[in-house]
């Protein structure tokens, strides 16, 4: 069991000079949307976390290649909406490491 503390840094824009608007600490593996909701971070969401609406889209600022692969649902939505590689659905994204995201 991984008990090390990890950090989710949340930004408003992609400027390298911007400061995070919120820093959230977590342990283990966690769903990004659930973590954001738990810490009362405002993010659009209209399908209840089922991956069908794509309103909880986030942009990963850190090295997105180290993240867990997209779920089948997320892969389908990403292909339909022509997401860039660093665009992810918070409701489908499980993280087990520190990352930086932008909530557009």
PDB file of N, CA and C in Angstrom:
ATOM      1  N   UNK A   1       0.845  -1.192   0.000  1.00  0.00           N
ATOM      2  CA  UNK A   1       0.000   0.000   0.000  1.00  0.00           C
ATOM      3  C   UNK A   1       0.883   1.246   0.000  1.00  0.00           C
ATOM      4  N   UNK A   2       0.599   2.150  -0.911  1.00  0.00           N
ATOM      5  CA  UNK A   2       1.383   3.369  -1.044  1.00  0.00           C
ATOM      6  C   UNK A   2       0.820   4.440  -0.116  1.00  0.00           C
ATOM      7  N   UNK A   3       1.609   4.863   0.855  1.00  0.00           N
ATOM      8  CA  UNK A   3       1.147   5.881   1.808  1.00  0.00           C
ATOM      9  C   UNK A   3       1.835   7.224   1.605  1.00  0.00           C
ATOM     10  N   UNK A   4       2.683   7.337   0.581  1.00  0.00           N
ATOM     11  CA  UNK A   4       3.354   8.611   0.340  1.00  0.00           C
ATOM     12  C   UNK A   4       2.335   9.668  -0.079  1.00  0.00           C
ATOM     13  N   UNK A   5       2.592  10.897   0.313  1.00  0.00           N
ATOM     14  CA  UNK A   5       1.702  11.999  -0.015  1.00  0.00           C
ATOM     15  C   UNK A   5       2.009  12.503  -1.419  1.00  0.00           C
ATOM     16  N   UNK A   6       0.955  12.656  -2.210  1.00  0.00           N
ATOM     17  CA  UNK A   6       1.070  13.185  -3.564  1.00  0.00           C
ATOM     18  C   UNK A   6       0.275  14.483  -3.635  1.00  0.00           C
ATOM     19  N   UNK A   7       0.503  15.227  -4.707  1.00  0.00           N
ATOM     20  CA  UNK A   7      -0.119  16.539  -4.831  1.00  0.00           C
ATOM     21  C   UNK A   7      -0.787  16.700  -6.185  1.00  0.00           C
ATOM     22  N   UNK A   8      -1.992  17.224  -6.170  1.00  0.00           N
ATOM     23  CA  UNK A   8      -2.685  17.648  -7.379  1.00  0.00           C
ATOM     24  C   UNK A   8      -2.669  19.167  -7.366  1.00  0.00           C
ATOM     25  N   UNK A   9      -1.953  19.760  -8.332  1.00  0.00           N
ATOM     26  CA  UNK A   9      -1.918  21.217  -8.461  1.00  0.00           C
ATOM     27  C   UNK A   9      -2.907  21.624  -9.537  1.00  0.00           C
ATOM     28  N   UNK A  10      -3.759  22.589  -9.235  1.00  0.00           N
ATOM     29  CA  UNK A  10      -4.824  23.006 -10.136  1.00  0.00           C
ATOM     30  C   UNK A  10      -4.559  24.441 -10.578  1.00  0.00           C
ATOM     31  N   UNK A  11      -4.529  24.642 -11.892  1.00  0.00           N
ATOM     32  CA  UNK A  11      -4.254  25.948 -12.480  1.00  0.00           C
ATOM     33  C   UNK A  11      -5.463  26.423 -13.282  1.00  0.00           C
ATOM     34  N   UNK A  12      -5.507  27.734 -13.521  1.00  0.00           N
ATOM     35  CA  UNK A  12      -6.572  28.315 -14.338  1.00  0.00           C
ATOM     36  C   UNK A  12      -6.147  28.494 -15.783  1.00  0.00           C
ATOM     37  N   UNK A  13      -4.850  28.624 -16.031  1.00  0.00           N
ATOM     38  CA  UNK A  13      -4.388  28.786 -17.403  1.00  0.00           C
ATOM     39  C   UNK A  13      -3.058  28.078 -17.593  1.00  0.00           C
ATOM     40  N   UNK A  14      -2.593  28.034 -18.820  1.00  0.00           N
ATOM     41  CA  UNK A  14      -1.391  27.277 -19.154  1.00  0.00           C
ATOM     42  C   UNK A  14      -0.119  28.118 -19.104  1.00  0.00           C
ATOM     43  N   UNK A  15      -0.198  29.310 -18.568  1.00  0.00           N
ATOM     44  CA  UNK A  15       0.971  30.158 -18.461  1.00  0.00           C
ATOM     45  C   UNK A  15       1.980  29.524 -17.505  1.00  0.00           C
ATOM     46  N   UNK A  16       3.215  29.444 -17.906  1.00  0.00           N
ATOM     47  CA  UNK A  16       4.239  28.860 -17.047  1.00  0.00           C
ATOM     48  C   UNK A  16       4.511  29.722 -15.825  1.00  0.00           C
ATOM     49  N   UNK A  17       4.073  30.965 -15.875  1.00  0.00           N
ATOM     50  CA  UNK A  17       4.293  31.876 -14.753  1.00  0.00           C
ATOM     51  C   UNK A  17       3.107  31.922 -13.790  1.00  0.00           C
ATOM     52  N   UNK A  18       2.036  31.235 -14.109  1.00  0.00           N
ATOM     53  CA  UNK A  18       0.866  31.277 -13.236  1.00  0.00           C
ATOM     54  C   UNK A  18       1.085  30.414 -11.993  1.00  0.00           C
ATOM     55  N   UNK A  19       0.402  30.778 -10.946  1.00  0.00           N
ATOM     56  CA  UNK A  19       0.458  30.026  -9.698  1.00  0.00           C
ATOM     57  C   UNK A  19      -0.780  29.143  -9.595  1.00  0.00           C
ATOM     58  N   UNK A  20      -0.654  28.003  -8.934  1.00  0.00           N
ATOM     59  CA  UNK A  20      -1.836  27.151  -8.793  1.00  0.00           C
ATOM     60  C   UNK A  20      -2.915  27.857  -7.978  1.00  0.00           C
ATOM     61  N   UNK A  21      -4.167  27.636  -8.354  1.00  0.00           N
ATOM     62  CA  UNK A  21      -5.281  28.216  -7.605  1.00  0.00           C
ATOM     63  C   UNK A  21      -5.648  27.336  -6.418  1.00  0.00           C
ATOM     64  N   UNK A  22      -5.227  26.083  -6.473  1.00  0.00           N
ATOM     65  CA  UNK A  22      -5.525  25.154  -5.380  1.00  0.00           C
ATOM     66  C   UNK A  22      -4.500  24.031  -5.406  1.00  0.00           C
ATOM     67  N   UNK A  23      -4.127  23.582  -4.236  1.00  0.00           N
ATOM     68  CA  UNK A  23      -3.239  22.436  -4.079  1.00  0.00           C
ATOM     69  C   UNK A  23      -3.963  21.418  -3.221  1.00  0.00           C
ATOM     70  N   UNK A  24      -4.068  20.188  -3.721  1.00  0.00           N
ATOM     71  CA  UNK A  24      -4.783  19.132  -3.020  1.00  0.00           C
ATOM     72  C   UNK A  24      -3.823  17.973  -2.779  1.00  0.00           C
ATOM     73  N   UNK A  25      -3.745  17.522  -1.547  1.00  0.00           N
ATOM     74  CA  UNK A  25      -2.896  16.382  -1.184  1.00  0.00           C
ATOM     75  C   UNK A  25      -3.743  15.114  -1.182  1.00  0.00           C
ATOM     76  N   UNK A  26      -3.121  13.995  -1.573  1.00  0.00           N
ATOM     77  CA  UNK A  26      -3.832  12.714  -1.554  1.00  0.00           C
ATOM     78  C   UNK A  26      -2.836  11.581  -1.375  1.00  0.00           C
ATOM     79  N   UNK A  27      -3.367  10.392  -1.110  1.00  0.00           N
ATOM     80  CA  UNK A  27      -2.572   9.178  -0.944  1.00  0.00           C
ATOM     81  C   UNK A  27      -3.139   8.103  -1.859  1.00  0.00           C
ATOM     82  N   UNK A  28      -2.293   7.172  -2.262  1.00  0.00           N
ATOM     83  CA  UNK A  28      -2.754   6.024  -3.044  1.00  0.00           C
ATOM     84  C   UNK A  28      -3.194   6.415  -4.439  1.00  0.00           C
ATOM     85  N   UNK A  29      -4.205   5.704  -4.920  1.00  0.00           N
ATOM     86  CA  UNK A  29      -4.780   5.943  -6.246  1.00  0.00           C
ATOM     87  C   UNK A  29      -6.166   6.527  -6.053  1.00  0.00           C
ATOM     88  N   UNK A  30      -6.481   7.576  -6.821  1.00  0.00           N
ATOM     89  CA  UNK A  30      -7.770   8.254  -6.633  1.00  0.00           C
ATOM     90  C   UNK A  30      -8.288   8.794  -7.961  1.00  0.00           C
ATOM     91  N   UNK A  31      -9.594   8.894  -8.062  1.00  0.00           N
ATOM     92  CA  UNK A  31     -10.250   9.470  -9.230  1.00  0.00           C
ATOM     93  C   UNK A  31     -10.189  10.996  -9.119  1.00  0.00           C
ATOM     94  N   UNK A  32      -9.783  11.658 -10.197  1.00  0.00           N
ATOM     95  CA  UNK A  32      -9.591  13.112 -10.167  1.00  0.00           C
ATOM     96  C   UNK A  32     -10.897  13.855  -9.883  1.00  0.00           C
ATOM     97  N   UNK A  33     -11.988  13.475 -10.533  1.00  0.00           N
ATOM     98  CA  UNK A  33     -13.258  14.172 -10.305  1.00  0.00           C
ATOM     99  C   UNK A  33     -13.700  14.025  -8.854  1.00  0.00           C
ATOM    100  N   UNK A  34     -13.578  12.838  -8.296  1.00  0.00           N
ATOM    101  CA  UNK A  34     -13.950  12.628  -6.901  1.00  0.00           C
ATOM    102  C   UNK A  34     -13.081  13.473  -5.970  1.00  0.00           C
ATOM    103  N   UNK A  35     -11.791  13.552  -6.284  1.00  0.00           N
ATOM    104  CA  UNK A  35     -10.880  14.364  -5.472  1.00  0.00           C
ATOM    105  C   UNK A  35     -11.250  15.843  -5.554  1.00  0.00           C
ATOM    106  N   UNK A  36     -11.545  16.319  -6.756  1.00  0.00           N
ATOM    107  CA  UNK A  36     -11.947  17.716  -6.921  1.00  0.00           C
ATOM    108  C   UNK A  36     -13.240  18.009  -6.171  1.00  0.00           C
ATOM    109  N   UNK A  37     -14.217  17.119  -6.293  1.00  0.00           N
ATOM    110  CA  UNK A  37     -15.491  17.308  -5.590  1.00  0.00           C
ATOM    111  C   UNK A  37     -15.297  17.299  -4.073  1.00  0.00           C
ATOM    112  N   UNK A  38     -14.481  16.375  -3.614  1.00  0.00           N
ATOM    113  CA  UNK A  38     -14.216  16.257  -2.172  1.00  0.00           C
ATOM    114  C   UNK A  38     -13.617  17.543  -1.606  1.00  0.00           C
ATOM    115  N   UNK A  39     -12.825  18.231  -2.419  1.00  0.00           N
ATOM    116  CA  UNK A  39     -12.168  19.462  -1.965  1.00  0.00           C
ATOM    117  C   UNK A  39     -12.872  20.718  -2.477  1.00  0.00           C
ATOM    118  N   UNK A  40     -14.094  20.535  -2.950  1.00  0.00           N
ATOM    119  CA  UNK A  40     -14.957  21.636  -3.379  1.00  0.00           C
ATOM    120  C   UNK A  40     -14.313  22.529  -4.443  1.00  0.00           C
ATOM    121  N   UNK A  41     -13.631  21.887  -5.397  1.00  0.00           N
ATOM    122  CA  UNK A  41     -13.046  22.597  -6.528  1.00  0.00           C
ATOM    123  C   UNK A  41     -14.091  22.607  -7.638  1.00  0.00           C
ATOM    124  N   UNK A  42     -14.422  23.776  -8.127  1.00  0.00           N
ATOM    125  CA  UNK A  42     -15.456  23.922  -9.146  1.00  0.00           C
ATOM    126  C   UNK A  42     -14.990  23.358 -10.484  1.00  0.00           C
ATOM    127  N   UNK A  43     -15.791  22.423 -11.018  1.00  0.00           N
ATOM    128  CA  UNK A  43     -15.541  21.848 -12.340  1.00  0.00           C
ATOM    129  C   UNK A  43     -16.887  21.447 -12.927  1.00  0.00           C
ATOM    130  N   UNK A  44     -17.080  21.733 -14.211  1.00  0.00           N
ATOM    131  CA  UNK A  44     -18.323  21.339 -14.870  1.00  0.00           C
ATOM    132  C   UNK A  44     -18.456  19.826 -14.866  1.00  0.00           C
ATOM    133  N   UNK A  45     -19.685  19.363 -14.682  1.00  0.00           N
ATOM    134  CA  UNK A  45     -19.993  17.932 -14.717  1.00  0.00           C
ATOM    135  C   UNK A  45     -21.498  17.777 -14.828  1.00  0.00           C
ATOM    136  N   UNK A  46     -21.925  17.040 -15.832  1.00  0.00           N
ATOM    137  CA  UNK A  46     -23.373  16.921 -15.994  1.00  0.00           C
ATOM    138  C   UNK A  46     -23.865  15.491 -16.191  1.00  0.00           C
ATOM    139  N   UNK A  47     -22.966  14.516 -16.261  1.00  0.00           N
ATOM    140  CA  UNK A  47     -23.426  13.137 -16.500  1.00  0.00           C
ATOM    141  C   UNK A  47     -23.219  12.238 -15.290  1.00  0.00           C
ATOM    142  N   UNK A  48     -22.846  12.828 -14.169  1.00  0.00           N
ATOM    143  CA  UNK A  48     -22.660  12.025 -12.970  1.00  0.00           C
ATOM    144  C   UNK A  48     -21.394  11.188 -12.972  1.00  0.00           C
ATOM    145  N   UNK A  49     -20.400  11.604 -13.743  1.00  0.00           N
ATOM    146  CA  UNK A  49     -19.137  10.881 -13.758  1.00  0.00           C
ATOM    147  C   UNK A  49     -19.115   9.643 -14.626  1.00  0.00           C
ATOM    148  N   UNK A  50     -20.026   9.585 -15.589  1.00  0.00           N
ATOM    149  CA  UNK A  50     -20.115   8.410 -16.464  1.00  0.00           C
ATOM    150  C   UNK A  50     -19.283   8.522 -17.735  1.00  0.00           C
ATOM    151  N   UNK A  51     -18.675   9.675 -17.961  1.00  0.00           N
ATOM    152  CA  UNK A  51     -17.821   9.851 -19.123  1.00  0.00           C
ATOM    153  C   UNK A  51     -18.550  10.128 -20.413  1.00  0.00           C
ATOM    154  N   UNK A  52     -19.813  10.495 -20.334  1.00  0.00           N
ATOM    155  CA  UNK A  52     -20.576  10.701 -21.565  1.00  0.00           C
ATOM    156  C   UNK A  52     -20.692  12.161 -21.989  1.00  0.00           C
ATOM    157  N   UNK A  53     -20.559  13.101 -21.055  1.00  0.00           N
ATOM    158  CA  UNK A  53     -20.804  14.504 -21.407  1.00  0.00           C
ATOM    159  C   UNK A  53     -19.528  15.272 -21.775  1.00  0.00           C
ATOM    160  N   UNK A  54     -18.405  14.866 -21.314  1.00  0.00           N
ATOM    161  CA  UNK A  54     -17.087  15.483 -21.511  1.00  0.00           C
ATOM    162  C   UNK A  54     -16.948  16.877 -20.901  1.00  0.00           C
ATOM    163  N   UNK A  55     -17.875  17.284 -20.046  1.00  0.00           N
ATOM    164  CA  UNK A  55     -17.784  18.623 -19.449  1.00  0.00           C
ATOM    165  C   UNK A  55     -16.720  18.707 -18.351  1.00  0.00           C
ATOM    166  N   UNK A  56     -16.241  17.578 -17.861  1.00  0.00           N
ATOM    167  CA  UNK A  56     -15.222  17.595 -16.809  1.00  0.00           C
ATOM    168  C   UNK A  56     -13.811  17.478 -17.400  1.00  0.00           C
ATOM    169  N   UNK A  57     -13.664  17.898 -18.632  1.00  0.00           N
ATOM    170  CA  UNK A  57     -12.365  17.829 -19.316  1.00  0.00           C
ATOM    171  C   UNK A  57     -11.345  18.689 -18.585  1.00  0.00           C
ATOM    172  N   UNK A  58     -10.157  18.127 -18.394  1.00  0.00           N
ATOM    173  CA  UNK A  58      -9.037  18.857 -17.819  1.00  0.00           C
ATOM    174  C   UNK A  58      -7.842  18.716 -18.754  1.00  0.00           C
ATOM    175  N   UNK A  59      -6.912  19.627 -18.614  1.00  0.00           N
ATOM    176  CA  UNK A  59      -5.683  19.571 -19.398  1.00  0.00           C
ATOM    177  C   UNK A  59      -4.548  19.273 -18.422  1.00  0.00           C
ATOM    178  N   UNK A  60      -3.804  18.242 -18.715  1.00  0.00           N
ATOM    179  CA  UNK A  60      -2.698  17.856 -17.852  1.00  0.00           C
ATOM    180  C   UNK A  60      -1.470  18.674 -18.236  1.00  0.00           C
ATOM    181  N   UNK A  61      -0.965  19.449 -17.284  1.00  0.00           N
ATOM    182  CA  UNK A  61       0.212  20.297 -17.507  1.00  0.00           C
ATOM    183  C   UNK A  61       1.509  19.529 -17.307  1.00  0.00           C
ATOM    184  N   UNK A  62       1.487  18.561 -16.413  1.00  0.00           N
ATOM    185  CA  UNK A  62       2.693  17.782 -16.148  1.00  0.00           C
ATOM    186  C   UNK A  62       2.832  16.680 -17.192  1.00  0.00           C
ATOM    187  N   UNK A  63       3.792  15.800 -17.037  1.00  0.00           N
ATOM    188  CA  UNK A  63       4.061  14.757 -18.026  1.00  0.00           C
ATOM    189  C   UNK A  63       2.906  13.761 -18.093  1.00  0.00           C
ATOM    190  N   UNK A  64       2.018  13.963 -19.049  1.00  0.00           N
ATOM    191  CA  UNK A  64       0.822  13.125 -19.180  1.00  0.00           C
ATOM    192  C   UNK A  64       1.156  11.703 -19.613  1.00  0.00           C
ATOM    193  N   UNK A  65       2.335  11.476 -20.139  1.00  0.00           N
ATOM    194  CA  UNK A  65       2.712  10.131 -20.612  1.00  0.00           C
ATOM    195  C   UNK A  65       2.896   9.163 -19.462  1.00  0.00           C
ATOM    196  N   UNK A  66       3.033   9.666 -18.245  1.00  0.00           N
ATOM    197  CA  UNK A  66       3.217   8.816 -17.074  1.00  0.00           C
ATOM    198  C   UNK A  66       1.882   8.421 -16.424  1.00  0.00           C
ATOM    199  N   UNK A  67       0.779   8.964 -16.933  1.00  0.00           N
ATOM    200  CA  UNK A  67      -0.531   8.682 -16.346  1.00  0.00           C
ATOM    201  C   UNK A  67      -1.062   7.321 -16.782  1.00  0.00           C
ATOM    202  N   UNK A  68      -2.038   6.837 -16.029  1.00  0.00           N
ATOM    203  CA  UNK A  68      -2.696   5.597 -16.407  1.00  0.00           C
ATOM    204  C   UNK A  68      -3.399   5.794 -17.745  1.00  0.00           C
ATOM    205  N   UNK A  69      -3.504   4.732 -18.512  1.00  0.00           N
ATOM    206  CA  UNK A  69      -4.126   4.790 -19.835  1.00  0.00           C
ATOM    207  C   UNK A  69      -5.590   5.199 -19.726  1.00  0.00           C
ATOM    208  N   UNK A  70      -6.107   5.751 -20.808  1.00  0.00           N
ATOM    209  CA  UNK A  70      -7.526   6.104 -20.856  1.00  0.00           C
ATOM    210  C   UNK A  70      -8.374   4.840 -20.758  1.00  0.00           C
ATOM    211  N   UNK A  71      -9.532   4.985 -20.113  1.00  0.00           N
ATOM    212  CA  UNK A  71     -10.499   3.894 -20.104  1.00  0.00           C
ATOM    213  C   UNK A  71     -11.100   3.791 -21.501  1.00  0.00           C
ATOM    214  N   UNK A  72     -11.824   2.744 -21.764  1.00  0.00           N
ATOM    215  CA  UNK A  72     -12.476   2.589 -23.072  1.00  0.00           C
ATOM    216  C   UNK A  72     -13.459   3.728 -23.313  1.00  0.00           C
ATOM    217  N   UNK A  73     -14.208   4.086 -22.283  1.00  0.00           N
ATOM    218  CA  UNK A  73     -15.170   5.191 -22.396  1.00  0.00           C
ATOM    219  C   UNK A  73     -14.448   6.487 -22.737  1.00  0.00           C
ATOM    220  N   UNK A  74     -13.369   6.775 -22.007  1.00  0.00           N
ATOM    221  CA  UNK A  74     -12.624   8.005 -22.253  1.00  0.00           C
ATOM    222  C   UNK A  74     -11.984   7.992 -23.639  1.00  0.00           C
ATOM    223  N   UNK A  75     -11.464   6.862 -24.054  1.00  0.00           N
ATOM    224  CA  UNK A  75     -10.861   6.753 -25.391  1.00  0.00           C
ATOM    225  C   UNK A  75     -11.880   7.066 -26.471  1.00  0.00           C
ATOM    226  N   UNK A  76     -13.096   6.538 -26.316  1.00  0.00           N
ATOM    227  CA  UNK A  76     -14.161   6.808 -27.290  1.00  0.00           C
ATOM    228  C   UNK A  76     -14.487   8.299 -27.340  1.00  0.00           C
ATOM    229  N   UNK A  77     -14.662   8.937 -26.159  1.00  0.00           N
ATOM    230  CA  UNK A  77     -14.979  10.364 -26.122  1.00  0.00           C
ATOM    231  C   UNK A  77     -13.824  11.192 -26.692  1.00  0.00           C
ATOM    232  N   UNK A  78     -12.606  10.827 -26.358  1.00  0.00           N
ATOM    233  CA  UNK A  78     -11.434  11.576 -26.835  1.00  0.00           C
ATOM    234  C   UNK A  78     -11.339  11.510 -28.354  1.00  0.00           C
ATOM    235  N   UNK A  79     -11.648  10.361 -28.921  1.00  0.00           N
ATOM    236  CA  UNK A  79     -11.614  10.230 -30.372  1.00  0.00           C
ATOM    237  C   UNK A  79     -12.737  11.038 -31.012  1.00  0.00           C
ATOM    238  N   UNK A  80     -13.943  10.950 -30.448  1.00  0.00           N
ATOM    239  CA  UNK A  80     -15.083  11.704 -30.978  1.00  0.00           C
ATOM    240  C   UNK A  80     -14.837  13.206 -30.928  1.00  0.00           C
ATOM    241  N   UNK A  81     -14.267  13.678 -29.832  1.00  0.00           N
ATOM    242  CA  UNK A  81     -14.071  15.121 -29.614  1.00  0.00           C
ATOM    243  C   UNK A  81     -12.700  15.609 -30.061  1.00  0.00           C
ATOM    244  N   UNK A  82     -11.891  14.708 -30.572  1.00  0.00           N
ATOM    245  CA  UNK A  82     -10.542  15.043 -31.060  1.00  0.00           C
ATOM    246  C   UNK A  82      -9.684  15.703 -29.975  1.00  0.00           C
ATOM    247  N   UNK A  83      -9.675  15.086 -28.816  1.00  0.00           N
ATOM    248  CA  UNK A  83      -8.847  15.570 -27.719  1.00  0.00           C
ATOM    249  C   UNK A  83      -7.373  15.452 -28.076  1.00  0.00           C
ATOM    250  N   UNK A  84      -6.589  16.385 -27.578  1.00  0.00           N
ATOM    251  CA  UNK A  84      -5.133  16.264 -27.629  1.00  0.00           C
ATOM    252  C   UNK A  84      -4.723  15.213 -26.595  1.00  0.00           C
ATOM    253  N   UNK A  85      -3.513  14.747 -26.691  1.00  0.00           N
ATOM    254  CA  UNK A  85      -3.038  13.686 -25.799  1.00  0.00           C
ATOM    255  C   UNK A  85      -3.088  14.089 -24.323  1.00  0.00           C
ATOM    256  N   UNK A  86      -2.941  15.389 -24.035  1.00  0.00           N
ATOM    257  CA  UNK A  86      -2.938  15.834 -22.643  1.00  0.00           C
ATOM    258  C   UNK A  86      -4.316  16.258 -22.134  1.00  0.00           C
ATOM    259  N   UNK A  87      -5.363  16.089 -22.935  1.00  0.00           N
ATOM    260  CA  UNK A  87      -6.725  16.374 -22.487  1.00  0.00           C
ATOM    261  C   UNK A  87      -7.339  15.088 -21.944  1.00  0.00           C
ATOM    262  N   UNK A  88      -7.855  15.165 -20.737  1.00  0.00           N
ATOM    263  CA  UNK A  88      -8.419  13.981 -20.087  1.00  0.00           C
ATOM    264  C   UNK A  88      -9.758  14.322 -19.452  1.00  0.00           C
ATOM    265  N   UNK A  89     -10.559  13.314 -19.209  1.00  0.00           N
ATOM    266  CA  UNK A  89     -11.812  13.482 -18.485  1.00  0.00           C
ATOM    267  C   UNK A  89     -11.542  13.206 -17.014  1.00  0.00           C
ATOM    268  N   UNK A  90     -11.819  14.179 -16.169  1.00  0.00           N
ATOM    269  CA  UNK A  90     -11.549  14.024 -14.736  1.00  0.00           C
ATOM    270  C   UNK A  90     -12.295  12.831 -14.155  1.00  0.00           C
ATOM    271  N   UNK A  91     -13.491  12.550 -14.670  1.00  0.00           N
ATOM    272  CA  UNK A  91     -14.281  11.446 -14.130  1.00  0.00           C
ATOM    273  C   UNK A  91     -13.707  10.078 -14.476  1.00  0.00           C
ATOM    274  N   UNK A  92     -12.867  10.009 -15.484  1.00  0.00           N
ATOM    275  CA  UNK A  92     -12.297   8.741 -15.923  1.00  0.00           C
ATOM    276  C   UNK A  92     -10.816   8.613 -15.557  1.00  0.00           C
ATOM    277  N   UNK A  93     -10.230   9.693 -15.069  1.00  0.00           N
ATOM    278  CA  UNK A  93      -8.800   9.719 -14.800  1.00  0.00           C
ATOM    279  C   UNK A  93      -8.486   9.315 -13.366  1.00  0.00           C
ATOM    280  N   UNK A  94      -7.811   8.188 -13.231  1.00  0.00           N
ATOM    281  CA  UNK A  94      -7.311   7.728 -11.938  1.00  0.00           C
ATOM    282  C   UNK A  94      -5.843   8.131 -11.866  1.00  0.00           C
ATOM    283  N   UNK A  95      -5.449   8.713 -10.738  1.00  0.00           N
ATOM    284  CA  UNK A  95      -4.049   9.115 -10.591  1.00  0.00           C
ATOM    285  C   UNK A  95      -3.434   8.433  -9.372  1.00  0.00           C
ATOM    286  N   UNK A  96      -2.144   8.137  -9.507  1.00  0.00           N
ATOM    287  CA  UNK A  96      -1.396   7.534  -8.411  1.00  0.00           C
ATOM    288  C   UNK A  96      -0.063   8.239  -8.207  1.00  0.00           C
ATOM    289  N   UNK A  97       0.009   9.460  -8.757  1.00  0.00           N
ATOM    290  CA  UNK A  97       1.218  10.266  -8.647  1.00  0.00           C
ATOM    291  C   UNK A  97       0.839  11.741  -8.665  1.00  0.00           C
ATOM    292  N   UNK A  98       1.776  12.575  -8.271  1.00  0.00           N
ATOM    293  CA  UNK A  98       1.547  14.022  -8.297  1.00  0.00           C
ATOM    294  C   UNK A  98       1.417  14.488  -9.738  1.00  0.00           C
ATOM    295  N   UNK A  99       0.429  15.362 -10.002  1.00  0.00           N
ATOM    296  CA  UNK A  99       0.259  15.927 -11.341  1.00  0.00           C
ATOM    297  C   UNK A  99      -0.215  17.374 -11.237  1.00  0.00           C
ATOM    298  N   UNK A 100      -0.133  18.059 -12.361  1.00  0.00           N
ATOM    299  CA  UNK A 100      -0.646  19.419 -12.490  1.00  0.00           C
ATOM    300  C   UNK A 100      -1.713  19.405 -13.570  1.00  0.00           C
ATOM    301  N   UNK A 101      -2.854  20.033 -13.283  1.00  0.00           N
ATOM    302  CA  UNK A 101      -3.932  20.115 -14.267  1.00  0.00           C
ATOM    303  C   UNK A 101      -4.413  21.544 -14.416  1.00  0.00           C
ATOM    304  N   UNK A 102      -5.026  21.792 -15.556  1.00  0.00           N
ATOM    305  CA  UNK A 102      -5.716  23.049 -15.824  1.00  0.00           C
ATOM    306  C   UNK A 102      -7.187  22.714 -15.973  1.00  0.00           C
ATOM    307  N   UNK A 103      -8.041  23.460 -15.300  1.00  0.00           N
ATOM    308  CA  UNK A 103      -9.478  23.325 -15.501  1.00  0.00           C
ATOM    309  C   UNK A 103      -9.891  24.461 -16.419  1.00  0.00           C
ATOM    310  N   UNK A 104     -10.195  24.133 -17.688  1.00  0.00           N
ATOM    311  CA  UNK A 104     -10.513  25.213 -18.655  1.00  0.00           C
ATOM    312  C   UNK A 104     -11.815  25.930 -18.323  1.00  0.00           C
TER     313      UNK A 104
END
